[in-house]
Amino acid sequence: MPMTMKVHKVGSDGTRRVLREKAEVAPQDTVETTSCYPVCRCPLCLVEVAT
């Protein structure tokens, strides 16, 4: 099922500007692991993982 996407840029004063008009995009069947956030390595998260 195709999806539509429209890209906006919101300024610090709240103004919105369209960067790209609506376009049809096809969803991916699988998500690449490189598109995910890396595992958090802050001290608090490392302690929670260890316990």
N, C-alpha and C. Protein backbone atom coordinates (compact mmCIF):
# COMPACT_ATOMS: atom_id res chain seq x y z
N MET A 1 0.84 -1.17 0.00
CA MET A 1 0.00 0.00 0.00
C MET A 1 0.90 1.25 0.00
N PRO A 2 0.80 2.09 -0.99
CA PRO A 2 1.65 3.29 -1.03
C PRO A 2 1.22 4.30 0.03
N MET A 3 2.18 5.05 0.50
CA MET A 3 1.92 6.10 1.48
C MET A 3 2.26 7.44 0.82
N THR A 4 1.77 8.52 1.41
CA THR A 4 2.15 9.84 0.92
C THR A 4 2.96 10.54 1.99
N MET A 5 3.88 11.37 1.55
CA MET A 5 4.76 12.08 2.47
C MET A 5 4.90 13.52 1.99
N LYS A 6 4.88 14.45 2.93
CA LYS A 6 5.08 15.86 2.64
C LYS A 6 6.08 16.38 3.66
N VAL A 7 7.12 17.06 3.22
CA VAL A 7 8.20 17.48 4.11
C VAL A 7 8.05 18.96 4.43
N HIS A 8 8.03 19.26 5.73
CA HIS A 8 7.91 20.63 6.22
C HIS A 8 9.15 20.99 7.02
N LYS A 9 9.44 22.28 7.10
CA LYS A 9 10.47 22.78 7.99
C LYS A 9 9.79 23.78 8.91
N VAL A 10 9.94 23.58 10.23
CA VAL A 10 9.33 24.48 11.19
C VAL A 10 10.43 25.35 11.77
N GLY A 11 10.24 26.66 11.66
CA GLY A 11 11.22 27.60 12.18
C GLY A 11 11.11 27.75 13.69
N SER A 12 12.10 28.38 14.30
CA SER A 12 12.10 28.57 15.76
C SER A 12 10.96 29.47 16.21
N ASP A 13 10.43 30.28 15.30
CA ASP A 13 9.30 31.15 15.65
C ASP A 13 7.96 30.47 15.36
N GLY A 14 7.97 29.22 14.94
CA GLY A 14 6.75 28.46 14.70
C GLY A 14 6.24 28.52 13.27
N THR A 15 6.92 29.27 12.41
CA THR A 15 6.48 29.32 11.01
C THR A 15 6.81 28.02 10.32
N ARG A 16 5.95 27.62 9.39
CA ARG A 16 6.13 26.35 8.68
C ARG A 16 6.32 26.63 7.21
N ARG A 17 7.29 25.92 6.62
CA ARG A 17 7.56 26.07 5.19
C ARG A 17 7.62 24.69 4.57
N VAL A 18 6.98 24.52 3.42
CA VAL A 18 6.98 23.23 2.72
C VAL A 18 8.27 23.10 1.93
N LEU A 19 9.03 22.04 2.21
CA LEU A 19 10.26 21.77 1.47
C LEU A 19 9.99 20.89 0.26
N ARG A 20 9.11 19.90 0.42
CA ARG A 20 8.73 19.03 -0.68
C ARG A 20 7.24 18.79 -0.63
N GLU A 21 6.59 18.95 -1.76
CA GLU A 21 5.15 18.70 -1.83
C GLU A 21 4.87 17.21 -1.64
N LYS A 22 3.61 16.85 -1.53
CA LYS A 22 3.22 15.45 -1.33
C LYS A 22 3.78 14.58 -2.45
N ALA A 23 4.27 13.44 -2.05
CA ALA A 23 4.79 12.46 -3.00
C ALA A 23 4.44 11.07 -2.50
N GLU A 24 4.17 10.16 -3.42
CA GLU A 24 3.91 8.78 -3.03
C GLU A 24 5.22 8.07 -2.78
N VAL A 25 5.27 7.35 -1.69
CA VAL A 25 6.46 6.57 -1.35
C VAL A 25 6.02 5.15 -1.01
N ALA A 26 6.86 4.19 -1.33
CA ALA A 26 6.56 2.80 -1.03
C ALA A 26 7.24 2.43 0.29
N PRO A 27 6.51 1.82 1.22
CA PRO A 27 7.13 1.42 2.48
C PRO A 27 8.12 0.27 2.26
N GLN A 28 9.12 0.23 3.07
CA GLN A 28 10.11 -0.86 2.98
C GLN A 28 9.54 -2.12 3.60
N ASP A 29 9.94 -3.25 3.06
CA ASP A 29 9.52 -4.53 3.64
C ASP A 29 10.26 -4.81 4.94
N THR A 30 11.52 -4.46 4.97
CA THR A 30 12.33 -4.64 6.17
C THR A 30 13.04 -3.34 6.50
N VAL A 31 13.30 -3.13 7.77
CA VAL A 31 13.99 -1.91 8.20
C VAL A 31 15.45 -2.26 8.42
N GLU A 32 16.32 -1.47 7.81
CA GLU A 32 17.75 -1.70 7.99
C GLU A 32 18.15 -1.34 9.42
N THR A 33 19.07 -2.09 9.98
CA THR A 33 19.49 -1.81 11.35
C THR A 33 20.23 -0.48 11.44
N THR A 34 20.78 0.01 10.34
CA THR A 34 21.49 1.28 10.37
C THR A 34 20.54 2.46 10.49
N SER A 35 19.24 2.25 10.25
CA SER A 35 18.29 3.35 10.36
C SER A 35 17.73 3.48 11.78
N CYS A 36 18.17 2.60 12.69
CA CYS A 36 17.72 2.65 14.08
C CYS A 36 18.72 3.45 14.92
N TYR A 37 18.22 3.96 16.03
CA TYR A 37 19.12 4.64 16.96
C TYR A 37 20.05 3.62 17.59
N PRO A 38 21.30 3.99 17.85
CA PRO A 38 22.22 3.05 18.51
C PRO A 38 21.81 2.86 19.97
N VAL A 39 22.31 1.80 20.57
CA VAL A 39 22.04 1.53 21.98
C VAL A 39 22.65 2.64 22.82
N CYS A 40 21.90 3.13 23.80
CA CYS A 40 22.39 4.20 24.66
C CYS A 40 23.51 3.68 25.55
N ARG A 41 24.57 4.43 25.65
CA ARG A 41 25.71 4.03 26.46
C ARG A 41 25.99 5.01 27.60
N CYS A 42 24.95 5.77 28.01
CA CYS A 42 25.15 6.69 29.13
C CYS A 42 25.26 5.88 30.42
N PRO A 43 25.86 6.43 31.46
CA PRO A 43 26.06 5.68 32.72
C PRO A 43 24.76 5.13 33.30
N LEU A 44 23.67 5.88 33.24
CA LEU A 44 22.42 5.41 33.81
C LEU A 44 21.90 4.18 33.07
N CYS A 45 21.92 4.21 31.75
CA CYS A 45 21.44 3.06 30.98
C CYS A 45 22.35 1.85 31.14
N LEU A 46 23.66 2.07 31.22
CA LEU A 46 24.59 0.95 31.41
C LEU A 46 24.35 0.26 32.75
N VAL A 47 24.02 1.02 33.80
CA VAL A 47 23.72 0.43 35.11
C VAL A 47 22.43 -0.37 35.03
N GLU A 48 21.41 0.15 34.35
CA GLU A 48 20.14 -0.56 34.24
C GLU A 48 20.29 -1.87 33.48
N VAL A 49 21.11 -1.90 32.46
CA VAL A 49 21.33 -3.11 31.67
C VAL A 49 22.07 -4.15 32.50
N ALA A 50 23.01 -3.70 33.32
CA ALA A 50 23.82 -4.62 34.12
C ALA A 50 23.03 -5.27 35.25
N THR A 51 21.94 -4.64 35.70
CA THR A 51 21.19 -5.20 36.83
C THR A 51 20.07 -6.07 36.38
